[in-house]
């Protein structure tokens, strides 16, 4: 069972698609959002939850004060579950933040429909996503980030670090939780850009 941990919709149960997704565990989400809260990165943030699955990351951000969240998920069943979860969280937390679900491939959304600039972006792709596809997504994302944005990529510990530099980004920090690693990145300052 997956629940929203804290905020306006804290305790709300959300559904998980029956196949094809790997929801971030409650323990990892609690640690991640504790760090985001401590850095004051949630209140009023414009958020993108890419490879959203159930939407747990973006919905947690909305519950904790994000201004708006765009969810991107291409799998039909997962997108349907995500729409229901967004409606449930919006109603239970009486959220005013728009929660927009886009059924699309991540790079397609970023090149054709993104509404940035985003202040906080979660990328939680399937562990078997090819590294080249992640690199393409980061490159497409770079033009949709605010100057102080934070990008968080969740992958398996065995995965290589995201190719930050190729997308005009730089590493910020890394946190490991068992087999899961959260890489944090940010836009490279203009003075350091190529």
N, C-alpha and C. Protein backbone atom coordinates (compact mmCIF):
# COMPACT_ATOMS: atom_id res chain seq x y z
N UNK A 1 0.84 -1.18 0.00
CA UNK A 1 0.00 0.00 0.00
C UNK A 1 0.88 1.24 0.00
N UNK A 2 0.57 2.19 -0.86
CA UNK A 2 1.33 3.42 -0.95
C UNK A 2 0.46 4.57 -0.47
N UNK A 3 1.04 5.40 0.38
CA UNK A 3 0.31 6.55 0.93
C UNK A 3 1.10 7.82 0.72
N UNK A 4 0.37 8.94 0.68
CA UNK A 4 1.01 10.24 0.73
C UNK A 4 1.48 10.40 2.18
N UNK A 5 2.74 10.77 2.37
CA UNK A 5 3.33 10.75 3.71
C UNK A 5 2.92 11.95 4.55
N UNK A 6 2.96 13.14 3.98
CA UNK A 6 2.71 14.33 4.80
C UNK A 6 2.09 15.43 3.96
N UNK A 7 1.72 16.51 4.63
CA UNK A 7 1.15 17.67 3.95
C UNK A 7 -0.36 17.63 3.94
N UNK A 8 -0.95 18.43 3.07
CA UNK A 8 -2.40 18.60 3.03
C UNK A 8 -3.14 17.30 2.76
N UNK A 9 -2.55 16.40 1.98
CA UNK A 9 -3.20 15.12 1.66
C UNK A 9 -2.53 13.95 2.36
N UNK A 10 -1.78 14.22 3.42
CA UNK A 10 -1.07 13.17 4.17
C UNK A 10 -2.01 12.05 4.58
N UNK A 11 -1.56 10.81 4.39
CA UNK A 11 -2.34 9.64 4.75
C UNK A 11 -3.22 9.11 3.64
N UNK A 12 -3.39 9.87 2.57
CA UNK A 12 -4.22 9.42 1.45
C UNK A 12 -3.57 8.23 0.76
N UNK A 13 -4.35 7.17 0.57
CA UNK A 13 -3.85 5.97 -0.11
C UNK A 13 -3.95 6.18 -1.61
N UNK A 14 -2.87 5.84 -2.31
CA UNK A 14 -2.91 5.92 -3.77
C UNK A 14 -2.69 4.53 -4.36
N UNK A 15 -3.28 4.31 -5.52
CA UNK A 15 -3.17 3.02 -6.20
C UNK A 15 -1.85 2.93 -6.95
N UNK A 16 -1.43 1.70 -7.19
CA UNK A 16 -0.20 1.43 -7.94
C UNK A 16 -0.59 0.58 -9.14
N UNK A 17 -0.12 0.91 -10.34
CA UNK A 17 -0.45 0.08 -11.51
C UNK A 17 -0.04 -1.36 -11.27
N UNK A 18 -0.80 -2.29 -11.85
CA UNK A 18 -0.57 -3.72 -11.59
C UNK A 18 0.75 -4.23 -12.17
N UNK A 19 1.27 -3.56 -13.19
CA UNK A 19 2.53 -4.01 -13.80
C UNK A 19 3.23 -2.83 -14.45
N UNK A 20 4.55 -2.98 -14.63
CA UNK A 20 5.29 -2.01 -15.42
C UNK A 20 5.81 -0.81 -14.66
N UNK A 21 5.56 -0.72 -13.36
CA UNK A 21 6.09 0.39 -12.59
C UNK A 21 6.79 -0.13 -11.35
N UNK A 22 7.61 0.74 -10.76
CA UNK A 22 8.37 0.40 -9.58
C UNK A 22 8.26 1.59 -8.63
N UNK A 23 7.19 1.63 -7.82
CA UNK A 23 6.99 2.81 -6.97
C UNK A 23 8.15 3.01 -5.99
N UNK A 24 8.50 4.27 -5.77
CA UNK A 24 9.52 4.61 -4.78
C UNK A 24 9.00 4.22 -3.41
N UNK A 25 9.80 3.51 -2.63
CA UNK A 25 9.34 3.03 -1.33
C UNK A 25 9.04 4.20 -0.39
N UNK A 26 8.18 3.95 0.59
CA UNK A 26 7.83 4.99 1.56
C UNK A 26 9.07 5.51 2.28
N UNK A 27 10.00 4.60 2.63
CA UNK A 27 11.21 5.00 3.35
C UNK A 27 12.05 5.95 2.52
N UNK A 28 12.21 5.64 1.23
CA UNK A 28 13.01 6.49 0.36
C UNK A 28 12.30 7.83 0.14
N UNK A 29 10.98 7.80 -0.09
CA UNK A 29 10.24 9.05 -0.27
C UNK A 29 10.31 9.92 0.98
N UNK A 30 10.19 9.30 2.14
CA UNK A 30 10.26 10.08 3.38
C UNK A 30 11.61 10.78 3.53
N UNK A 31 12.69 10.07 3.24
CA UNK A 31 14.02 10.66 3.32
C UNK A 31 14.20 11.75 2.27
N UNK A 32 13.79 11.47 1.04
CA UNK A 32 13.91 12.45 -0.05
C UNK A 32 13.14 13.72 0.28
N UNK A 33 11.89 13.58 0.70
CA UNK A 33 11.08 14.77 0.95
C UNK A 33 11.49 15.50 2.22
N UNK A 34 12.09 14.78 3.16
CA UNK A 34 12.67 15.46 4.32
C UNK A 34 13.79 16.40 3.88
N UNK A 35 14.63 15.91 2.95
CA UNK A 35 15.73 16.74 2.43
C UNK A 35 15.20 17.91 1.61
N UNK A 36 14.18 17.66 0.80
CA UNK A 36 13.59 18.74 -0.01
C UNK A 36 12.94 19.80 0.88
N UNK A 37 12.23 19.36 1.92
CA UNK A 37 11.63 20.30 2.88
C UNK A 37 12.70 21.13 3.57
N UNK A 38 13.76 20.46 4.02
CA UNK A 38 14.83 21.15 4.74
C UNK A 38 15.50 22.21 3.86
N UNK A 39 15.56 21.95 2.56
CA UNK A 39 16.16 22.91 1.63
C UNK A 39 15.14 23.92 1.10
N UNK A 40 13.90 23.84 1.58
CA UNK A 40 12.82 24.74 1.17
C UNK A 40 12.63 24.73 -0.34
N UNK A 41 12.59 23.52 -0.92
CA UNK A 41 12.46 23.39 -2.37
C UNK A 41 11.05 23.02 -2.83
N UNK A 42 10.10 22.90 -1.90
CA UNK A 42 8.77 22.44 -2.28
C UNK A 42 7.71 23.54 -2.36
N UNK A 43 7.68 24.41 -1.37
CA UNK A 43 6.60 25.40 -1.31
C UNK A 43 6.64 26.32 -2.53
N UNK A 44 5.56 26.32 -3.29
CA UNK A 44 5.46 27.18 -4.46
C UNK A 44 6.21 26.70 -5.68
N UNK A 45 6.79 25.50 -5.63
CA UNK A 45 7.58 24.99 -6.75
C UNK A 45 6.70 24.54 -7.90
N UNK A 46 7.20 24.76 -9.11
CA UNK A 46 6.60 24.20 -10.32
C UNK A 46 7.33 22.89 -10.56
N UNK A 47 6.58 21.78 -10.54
CA UNK A 47 7.18 20.44 -10.51
C UNK A 47 6.82 19.65 -11.76
N UNK A 48 7.77 18.85 -12.24
CA UNK A 48 7.51 17.86 -13.29
C UNK A 48 7.89 16.49 -12.72
N UNK A 49 6.98 15.54 -12.86
CA UNK A 49 7.21 14.15 -12.43
C UNK A 49 7.24 13.33 -13.72
N UNK A 50 8.45 13.02 -14.19
CA UNK A 50 8.63 12.32 -15.46
C UNK A 50 8.80 10.83 -15.22
N UNK A 51 8.26 10.00 -16.11
CA UNK A 51 8.16 8.55 -15.90
C UNK A 51 7.38 8.35 -14.59
N UNK A 52 6.24 8.98 -14.49
CA UNK A 52 5.54 9.16 -13.21
C UNK A 52 4.96 7.90 -12.59
N UNK A 53 4.60 6.90 -13.36
CA UNK A 53 4.01 5.70 -12.78
C UNK A 53 2.75 6.05 -12.00
N UNK A 54 2.72 5.74 -10.72
CA UNK A 54 1.56 6.04 -9.88
C UNK A 54 1.45 7.52 -9.54
N UNK A 55 2.54 8.27 -9.76
CA UNK A 55 2.55 9.69 -9.43
C UNK A 55 2.93 9.99 -8.01
N UNK A 56 3.44 9.01 -7.28
CA UNK A 56 3.72 9.19 -5.85
C UNK A 56 4.64 10.38 -5.56
N UNK A 57 5.67 10.58 -6.38
CA UNK A 57 6.60 11.68 -6.11
C UNK A 57 5.94 13.04 -6.33
N UNK A 58 5.32 13.22 -7.48
CA UNK A 58 4.66 14.49 -7.76
C UNK A 58 3.49 14.77 -6.83
N UNK A 59 2.74 13.75 -6.47
CA UNK A 59 1.60 13.93 -5.56
C UNK A 59 2.09 14.30 -4.16
N UNK A 60 3.19 13.71 -3.74
CA UNK A 60 3.78 14.08 -2.44
C UNK A 60 4.20 15.55 -2.47
N UNK A 61 4.81 15.98 -3.58
CA UNK A 61 5.21 17.38 -3.71
C UNK A 61 4.00 18.30 -3.66
N UNK A 62 2.91 17.93 -4.34
CA UNK A 62 1.69 18.74 -4.33
C UNK A 62 1.12 18.83 -2.93
N UNK A 63 1.11 17.71 -2.22
CA UNK A 63 0.58 17.68 -0.85
C UNK A 63 1.38 18.60 0.07
N UNK A 64 2.67 18.76 -0.24
CA UNK A 64 3.55 19.57 0.61
C UNK A 64 3.73 21.00 0.11
N UNK A 65 2.91 21.45 -0.81
CA UNK A 65 2.91 22.86 -1.14
C UNK A 65 3.40 23.27 -2.51
N UNK A 66 3.64 22.32 -3.42
CA UNK A 66 4.03 22.70 -4.78
C UNK A 66 2.92 23.52 -5.42
N UNK A 67 3.29 24.44 -6.30
CA UNK A 67 2.31 25.32 -6.96
C UNK A 67 1.58 24.62 -8.10
N UNK A 68 2.25 23.70 -8.79
CA UNK A 68 1.66 22.98 -9.92
C UNK A 68 2.53 21.76 -10.20
N UNK A 69 1.91 20.69 -10.72
CA UNK A 69 2.67 19.49 -11.07
C UNK A 69 2.20 18.98 -12.42
N UNK A 70 3.18 18.74 -13.31
CA UNK A 70 2.94 18.04 -14.57
C UNK A 70 3.47 16.63 -14.41
N UNK A 71 2.60 15.65 -14.65
CA UNK A 71 2.96 14.23 -14.59
C UNK A 71 3.05 13.72 -16.02
N UNK A 72 4.11 12.97 -16.33
CA UNK A 72 4.25 12.42 -17.67
C UNK A 72 4.44 10.91 -17.56
N UNK A 73 3.54 10.17 -18.19
CA UNK A 73 3.57 8.71 -18.16
C UNK A 73 3.00 8.20 -19.48
N UNK A 74 3.75 7.36 -20.19
CA UNK A 74 3.26 6.91 -21.50
C UNK A 74 2.44 5.62 -21.45
N UNK A 75 2.62 4.78 -20.43
CA UNK A 75 1.88 3.52 -20.37
C UNK A 75 0.40 3.79 -20.09
N UNK A 76 -0.50 3.28 -20.92
CA UNK A 76 -1.93 3.60 -20.76
C UNK A 76 -2.50 3.25 -19.39
N UNK A 77 -2.21 2.03 -18.89
CA UNK A 77 -2.77 1.64 -17.58
C UNK A 77 -2.23 2.54 -16.48
N UNK A 78 -0.92 2.79 -16.49
CA UNK A 78 -0.33 3.63 -15.45
C UNK A 78 -0.89 5.05 -15.51
N UNK A 79 -1.07 5.60 -16.72
CA UNK A 79 -1.63 6.95 -16.85
C UNK A 79 -3.05 7.01 -16.31
N UNK A 80 -3.82 5.94 -16.53
CA UNK A 80 -5.19 5.89 -16.02
C UNK A 80 -5.20 5.85 -14.49
N UNK A 81 -4.34 5.02 -13.90
CA UNK A 81 -4.23 4.95 -12.44
C UNK A 81 -3.77 6.31 -11.90
N UNK A 82 -2.82 6.91 -12.57
CA UNK A 82 -2.30 8.22 -12.15
C UNK A 82 -3.40 9.28 -12.15
N UNK A 83 -4.24 9.29 -13.17
CA UNK A 83 -5.35 10.27 -13.20
C UNK A 83 -6.26 10.09 -11.99
N UNK A 84 -6.57 8.84 -11.67
CA UNK A 84 -7.43 8.59 -10.49
C UNK A 84 -6.72 9.01 -9.20
N UNK A 85 -5.42 8.73 -9.10
CA UNK A 85 -4.67 9.14 -7.91
C UNK A 85 -4.65 10.66 -7.76
N UNK A 86 -4.43 11.36 -8.87
CA UNK A 86 -4.39 12.83 -8.82
C UNK A 86 -5.73 13.38 -8.35
N UNK A 87 -6.81 12.82 -8.85
CA UNK A 87 -8.14 13.28 -8.44
C UNK A 87 -8.37 13.00 -6.95
N UNK A 88 -7.95 11.82 -6.49
CA UNK A 88 -8.13 11.46 -5.07
C UNK A 88 -7.32 12.38 -4.16
N UNK A 89 -6.08 12.64 -4.52
CA UNK A 89 -5.23 13.51 -3.70
C UNK A 89 -5.74 14.94 -3.72
N UNK A 90 -6.12 15.43 -4.89
CA UNK A 90 -6.64 16.80 -4.99
C UNK A 90 -7.87 16.97 -4.11
N UNK A 91 -8.73 15.98 -4.11
CA UNK A 91 -9.96 16.06 -3.32
C UNK A 91 -9.67 15.91 -1.82
N UNK A 92 -8.84 14.95 -1.45
CA UNK A 92 -8.60 14.70 -0.03
C UNK A 92 -7.81 15.82 0.63
N UNK A 93 -6.92 16.44 -0.14
CA UNK A 93 -6.10 17.51 0.42
C UNK A 93 -6.64 18.89 0.11
N UNK A 94 -7.76 18.93 -0.62
CA UNK A 94 -8.34 20.20 -1.05
C UNK A 94 -7.26 21.11 -1.64
N UNK A 95 -6.49 20.54 -2.56
CA UNK A 95 -5.38 21.26 -3.16
C UNK A 95 -5.88 22.22 -4.23
N UNK A 96 -5.25 23.36 -4.30
CA UNK A 96 -5.58 24.31 -5.37
C UNK A 96 -4.57 24.21 -6.50
N UNK A 97 -3.45 23.54 -6.27
CA UNK A 97 -2.42 23.40 -7.31
C UNK A 97 -2.95 22.53 -8.45
N UNK A 98 -2.78 22.98 -9.70
CA UNK A 98 -3.19 22.12 -10.82
C UNK A 98 -2.30 20.88 -10.90
N UNK A 99 -2.94 19.73 -11.09
CA UNK A 99 -2.25 18.45 -11.25
C UNK A 99 -2.58 17.97 -12.66
N UNK A 100 -1.63 18.13 -13.59
CA UNK A 100 -1.89 17.82 -15.00
C UNK A 100 -1.20 16.51 -15.37
N UNK A 101 -1.99 15.56 -15.88
CA UNK A 101 -1.47 14.26 -16.30
C UNK A 101 -1.36 14.24 -17.82
N UNK A 102 -0.16 13.94 -18.31
CA UNK A 102 0.09 13.89 -19.75
C UNK A 102 0.46 12.45 -20.12
N UNK A 103 -0.35 11.83 -20.99
CA UNK A 103 -0.01 10.48 -21.45
C UNK A 103 0.85 10.64 -22.69
N UNK A 104 2.16 10.56 -22.48
CA UNK A 104 3.12 10.78 -23.57
C UNK A 104 4.47 10.22 -23.17
N UNK A 105 5.30 10.00 -24.15
CA UNK A 105 6.71 9.68 -23.88
C UNK A 105 7.37 10.94 -23.34
N UNK A 106 8.33 10.78 -22.45
CA UNK A 106 8.97 11.92 -21.79
C UNK A 106 9.60 12.87 -22.80
N UNK A 107 10.40 12.37 -23.73
CA UNK A 107 11.06 13.28 -24.67
C UNK A 107 10.05 13.96 -25.59
N UNK A 108 8.97 13.27 -25.95
CA UNK A 108 7.91 13.89 -26.76
C UNK A 108 7.27 15.04 -26.00
N UNK A 109 6.94 14.81 -24.75
CA UNK A 109 6.34 15.87 -23.93
C UNK A 109 7.28 17.06 -23.82
N UNK A 110 8.55 16.80 -23.54
CA UNK A 110 9.50 17.89 -23.34
C UNK A 110 9.76 18.69 -24.61
N UNK A 111 9.68 18.05 -25.75
CA UNK A 111 9.94 18.78 -26.99
C UNK A 111 8.69 19.44 -27.56
N UNK A 112 7.49 18.99 -27.12
CA UNK A 112 6.27 19.52 -27.74
C UNK A 112 5.28 20.18 -26.79
N UNK A 113 5.27 19.82 -25.52
CA UNK A 113 4.17 20.26 -24.67
C UNK A 113 4.56 20.77 -23.29
N UNK A 114 5.82 20.76 -22.94
CA UNK A 114 6.22 21.16 -21.58
C UNK A 114 5.84 22.60 -21.29
N UNK A 115 5.40 22.85 -20.04
CA UNK A 115 4.95 24.18 -19.63
C UNK A 115 5.89 24.83 -18.63
N UNK A 116 7.15 24.50 -18.66
CA UNK A 116 8.09 25.04 -17.69
C UNK A 116 8.09 26.56 -17.67
N UNK A 117 9.00 27.18 -16.97
CA UNK A 117 10.16 26.52 -16.36
C UNK A 117 9.78 25.79 -15.08
N UNK A 118 10.46 24.67 -14.87
CA UNK A 118 10.25 23.85 -13.68
C UNK A 118 11.33 24.15 -12.64
N UNK A 119 10.91 24.14 -11.38
CA UNK A 119 11.82 24.36 -10.26
C UNK A 119 12.33 23.05 -9.68
N UNK A 120 11.54 21.99 -9.84
CA UNK A 120 11.87 20.69 -9.28
C UNK A 120 11.38 19.63 -10.24
N UNK A 121 12.28 18.71 -10.62
CA UNK A 121 11.92 17.66 -11.57
C UNK A 121 12.36 16.31 -11.03
N UNK A 122 11.43 15.35 -11.08
CA UNK A 122 11.73 13.97 -10.71
C UNK A 122 11.76 13.14 -11.98
N UNK A 123 12.83 12.36 -12.16
CA UNK A 123 12.90 11.38 -13.23
C UNK A 123 13.10 10.02 -12.58
N UNK A 124 12.08 9.18 -12.64
CA UNK A 124 12.13 7.85 -12.04
C UNK A 124 11.84 6.82 -13.13
N UNK A 125 12.77 6.69 -14.09
CA UNK A 125 12.51 5.80 -15.23
C UNK A 125 12.62 4.33 -14.82
N UNK A 126 12.10 3.45 -15.68
CA UNK A 126 12.31 2.02 -15.42
C UNK A 126 13.81 1.76 -15.31
N UNK A 127 14.18 0.84 -14.42
CA UNK A 127 15.60 0.56 -14.23
C UNK A 127 16.27 0.10 -15.52
N UNK A 128 15.49 -0.51 -16.45
CA UNK A 128 16.10 -1.00 -17.68
C UNK A 128 16.08 0.05 -18.81
N UNK A 129 15.72 1.29 -18.51
CA UNK A 129 15.76 2.34 -19.53
C UNK A 129 17.20 2.49 -20.01
N UNK A 130 17.43 2.45 -21.32
CA UNK A 130 18.80 2.62 -21.82
C UNK A 130 19.38 3.98 -21.41
N UNK A 131 20.66 4.00 -21.13
CA UNK A 131 21.33 5.24 -20.71
C UNK A 131 21.16 6.34 -21.76
N UNK A 132 21.16 5.97 -23.04
CA UNK A 132 21.00 6.96 -24.11
C UNK A 132 19.63 7.63 -24.02
N UNK A 133 18.60 6.88 -23.63
CA UNK A 133 17.25 7.47 -23.50
C UNK A 133 17.20 8.45 -22.33
N UNK A 134 17.87 8.12 -21.23
CA UNK A 134 17.93 9.04 -20.10
C UNK A 134 18.69 10.31 -20.51
N UNK A 135 19.77 10.15 -21.23
CA UNK A 135 20.55 11.31 -21.68
C UNK A 135 19.69 12.20 -22.57
N UNK A 136 18.89 11.61 -23.46
CA UNK A 136 18.02 12.39 -24.35
C UNK A 136 16.97 13.14 -23.54
N UNK A 137 16.43 12.49 -22.51
CA UNK A 137 15.43 13.15 -21.67
C UNK A 137 16.04 14.33 -20.91
N UNK A 138 17.23 14.15 -20.36
CA UNK A 138 17.88 15.24 -19.63
C UNK A 138 18.20 16.41 -20.57
N UNK A 139 18.65 16.10 -21.77
CA UNK A 139 18.96 17.14 -22.74
C UNK A 139 17.71 17.92 -23.12
N UNK A 140 16.60 17.20 -23.36
CA UNK A 140 15.33 17.86 -23.70
C UNK A 140 14.80 18.67 -22.53
N UNK A 141 15.05 18.21 -21.30
CA UNK A 141 14.58 18.89 -20.09
C UNK A 141 15.32 20.20 -19.83
N UNK A 142 16.60 20.25 -20.15
CA UNK A 142 17.46 21.37 -19.75
C UNK A 142 16.89 22.74 -20.10
N UNK A 143 16.24 22.87 -21.23
CA UNK A 143 15.69 24.15 -21.64
C UNK A 143 14.40 24.54 -20.93
N UNK A 144 13.89 23.66 -20.08
CA UNK A 144 12.63 23.91 -19.36
C UNK A 144 12.83 24.09 -17.87
N UNK A 145 14.06 24.40 -17.46
CA UNK A 145 14.37 24.52 -16.03
C UNK A 145 14.55 25.98 -15.62
N UNK A 146 14.11 26.29 -14.41
CA UNK A 146 14.40 27.60 -13.85
C UNK A 146 15.88 27.64 -13.49
N UNK A 147 16.39 28.82 -13.26
CA UNK A 147 17.82 29.00 -12.98
C UNK A 147 18.28 28.21 -11.75
N UNK A 148 17.42 28.11 -10.74
CA UNK A 148 17.77 27.42 -9.48
C UNK A 148 17.12 26.04 -9.37
N UNK A 149 16.74 25.45 -10.47
CA UNK A 149 16.04 24.17 -10.45
C UNK A 149 16.89 23.05 -9.85
N UNK A 150 16.19 22.05 -9.32
CA UNK A 150 16.82 20.82 -8.86
C UNK A 150 16.19 19.68 -9.63
N UNK A 151 17.03 18.80 -10.18
CA UNK A 151 16.60 17.64 -10.94
C UNK A 151 17.04 16.41 -10.16
N UNK A 152 16.09 15.51 -9.91
CA UNK A 152 16.41 14.30 -9.14
C UNK A 152 16.13 13.08 -10.00
N UNK A 153 17.16 12.26 -10.19
CA UNK A 153 17.06 11.04 -10.99
C UNK A 153 17.17 9.86 -10.05
N UNK A 154 16.18 8.96 -10.12
CA UNK A 154 16.18 7.74 -9.31
C UNK A 154 16.48 6.55 -10.21
N UNK A 155 17.52 5.79 -9.84
CA UNK A 155 17.88 4.61 -10.63
C UNK A 155 18.44 3.53 -9.71
N UNK A 156 18.75 2.39 -10.29
CA UNK A 156 19.36 1.30 -9.55
C UNK A 156 20.82 1.65 -9.23
N UNK A 157 21.30 1.13 -8.13
CA UNK A 157 22.69 1.40 -7.72
C UNK A 157 23.69 1.00 -8.80
N UNK A 158 23.38 -0.02 -9.57
CA UNK A 158 24.31 -0.49 -10.61
C UNK A 158 24.34 0.43 -11.83
N UNK A 159 23.43 1.39 -11.91
CA UNK A 159 23.37 2.30 -13.06
C UNK A 159 24.47 3.35 -12.96
N UNK A 160 24.96 3.83 -14.10
CA UNK A 160 25.96 4.89 -14.06
C UNK A 160 25.30 6.22 -13.67
N UNK A 161 26.11 7.15 -13.22
CA UNK A 161 25.61 8.49 -12.89
C UNK A 161 25.00 9.11 -14.14
N UNK A 162 23.92 9.86 -13.99
CA UNK A 162 23.33 10.51 -15.17
C UNK A 162 24.36 11.40 -15.88
N UNK A 163 24.24 11.54 -17.20
CA UNK A 163 25.18 12.35 -17.97
C UNK A 163 24.84 13.84 -17.86
N UNK A 164 25.07 14.38 -16.67
CA UNK A 164 24.69 15.77 -16.39
C UNK A 164 25.30 16.75 -17.38
N UNK A 165 26.61 16.67 -17.58
CA UNK A 165 27.32 17.67 -18.38
C UNK A 165 26.80 17.74 -19.81
N UNK A 166 26.43 16.60 -20.38
CA UNK A 166 25.93 16.59 -21.76
C UNK A 166 24.64 17.40 -21.90
N UNK A 167 23.90 17.56 -20.80
CA UNK A 167 22.64 18.30 -20.82
C UNK A 167 22.78 19.71 -20.26
N UNK A 168 24.02 20.14 -19.98
CA UNK A 168 24.21 21.48 -19.42
C UNK A 168 23.87 21.55 -17.95
N UNK A 169 23.95 20.41 -17.28
CA UNK A 169 23.65 20.32 -15.85
C UNK A 169 24.91 19.90 -15.11
N UNK A 170 24.85 19.96 -13.78
CA UNK A 170 25.97 19.49 -12.97
C UNK A 170 25.44 18.74 -11.76
N UNK A 171 26.24 17.81 -11.25
CA UNK A 171 25.86 17.02 -10.09
C UNK A 171 25.80 17.90 -8.85
N UNK A 172 24.85 17.60 -7.99
CA UNK A 172 24.66 18.35 -6.75
C UNK A 172 24.94 17.45 -5.55
N UNK A 173 24.32 16.26 -5.53
CA UNK A 173 24.56 15.30 -4.45
C UNK A 173 24.05 13.93 -4.86
N UNK A 174 24.45 12.92 -4.12
CA UNK A 174 24.01 11.55 -4.37
C UNK A 174 23.65 10.91 -3.04
N UNK A 175 22.52 10.21 -3.01
CA UNK A 175 22.11 9.48 -1.82
C UNK A 175 21.70 8.08 -2.23
N UNK A 176 22.22 7.06 -1.53
CA UNK A 176 21.88 5.67 -1.82
C UNK A 176 21.00 5.12 -0.72
N UNK A 177 20.02 4.32 -1.11
CA UNK A 177 19.08 3.66 -0.20
C UNK A 177 18.96 2.21 -0.67
N UNK A 178 19.75 1.30 -0.13
CA UNK A 178 19.71 -0.08 -0.60
C UNK A 178 20.12 -0.13 -2.06
N UNK A 179 19.24 -0.68 -2.92
CA UNK A 179 19.53 -0.79 -4.34
C UNK A 179 19.14 0.46 -5.12
N UNK A 180 18.58 1.45 -4.44
CA UNK A 180 18.12 2.68 -5.09
C UNK A 180 19.10 3.81 -4.85
N UNK A 181 19.37 4.59 -5.90
CA UNK A 181 20.22 5.77 -5.77
C UNK A 181 19.43 6.97 -6.27
N UNK A 182 19.51 8.07 -5.53
CA UNK A 182 18.93 9.34 -5.94
C UNK A 182 20.08 10.28 -6.28
N UNK A 183 20.18 10.65 -7.55
CA UNK A 183 21.17 11.63 -7.99
C UNK A 183 20.47 12.98 -8.11
N UNK A 184 21.03 14.00 -7.49
CA UNK A 184 20.51 15.36 -7.58
C UNK A 184 21.41 16.15 -8.52
N UNK A 185 20.80 16.91 -9.41
CA UNK A 185 21.56 17.77 -10.31
C UNK A 185 20.92 19.15 -10.38
N UNK A 186 21.62 20.05 -11.03
CA UNK A 186 21.12 21.43 -11.17
C UNK A 186 21.70 22.03 -12.44
N UNK A 187 21.06 23.10 -12.96
CA UNK A 187 21.64 23.76 -14.13
C UNK A 187 23.04 24.29 -13.81
N UNK A 188 23.91 24.14 -14.77
CA UNK A 188 25.25 24.68 -14.61
C UNK A 188 25.16 26.20 -14.73
N UNK A 189 25.84 26.95 -13.88
CA UNK A 189 25.80 28.42 -14.00
C UNK A 189 26.22 28.85 -15.41
N UNK A 190 25.58 29.91 -15.88
CA UNK A 190 25.83 30.39 -17.25
C UNK A 190 27.32 30.63 -17.50
N UNK A 191 28.04 31.08 -16.49
CA UNK A 191 29.47 31.36 -16.67
C UNK A 191 30.28 30.09 -16.92
N UNK A 192 29.71 28.92 -16.55
CA UNK A 192 30.42 27.65 -16.75
C UNK A 192 29.92 26.88 -17.96
N UNK A 193 28.87 27.38 -18.62
CA UNK A 193 28.33 26.66 -19.77
C UNK A 193 29.30 26.72 -20.94
N UNK A 194 29.22 25.68 -21.76
CA UNK A 194 30.10 25.61 -22.93
C UNK A 194 29.68 26.61 -23.97
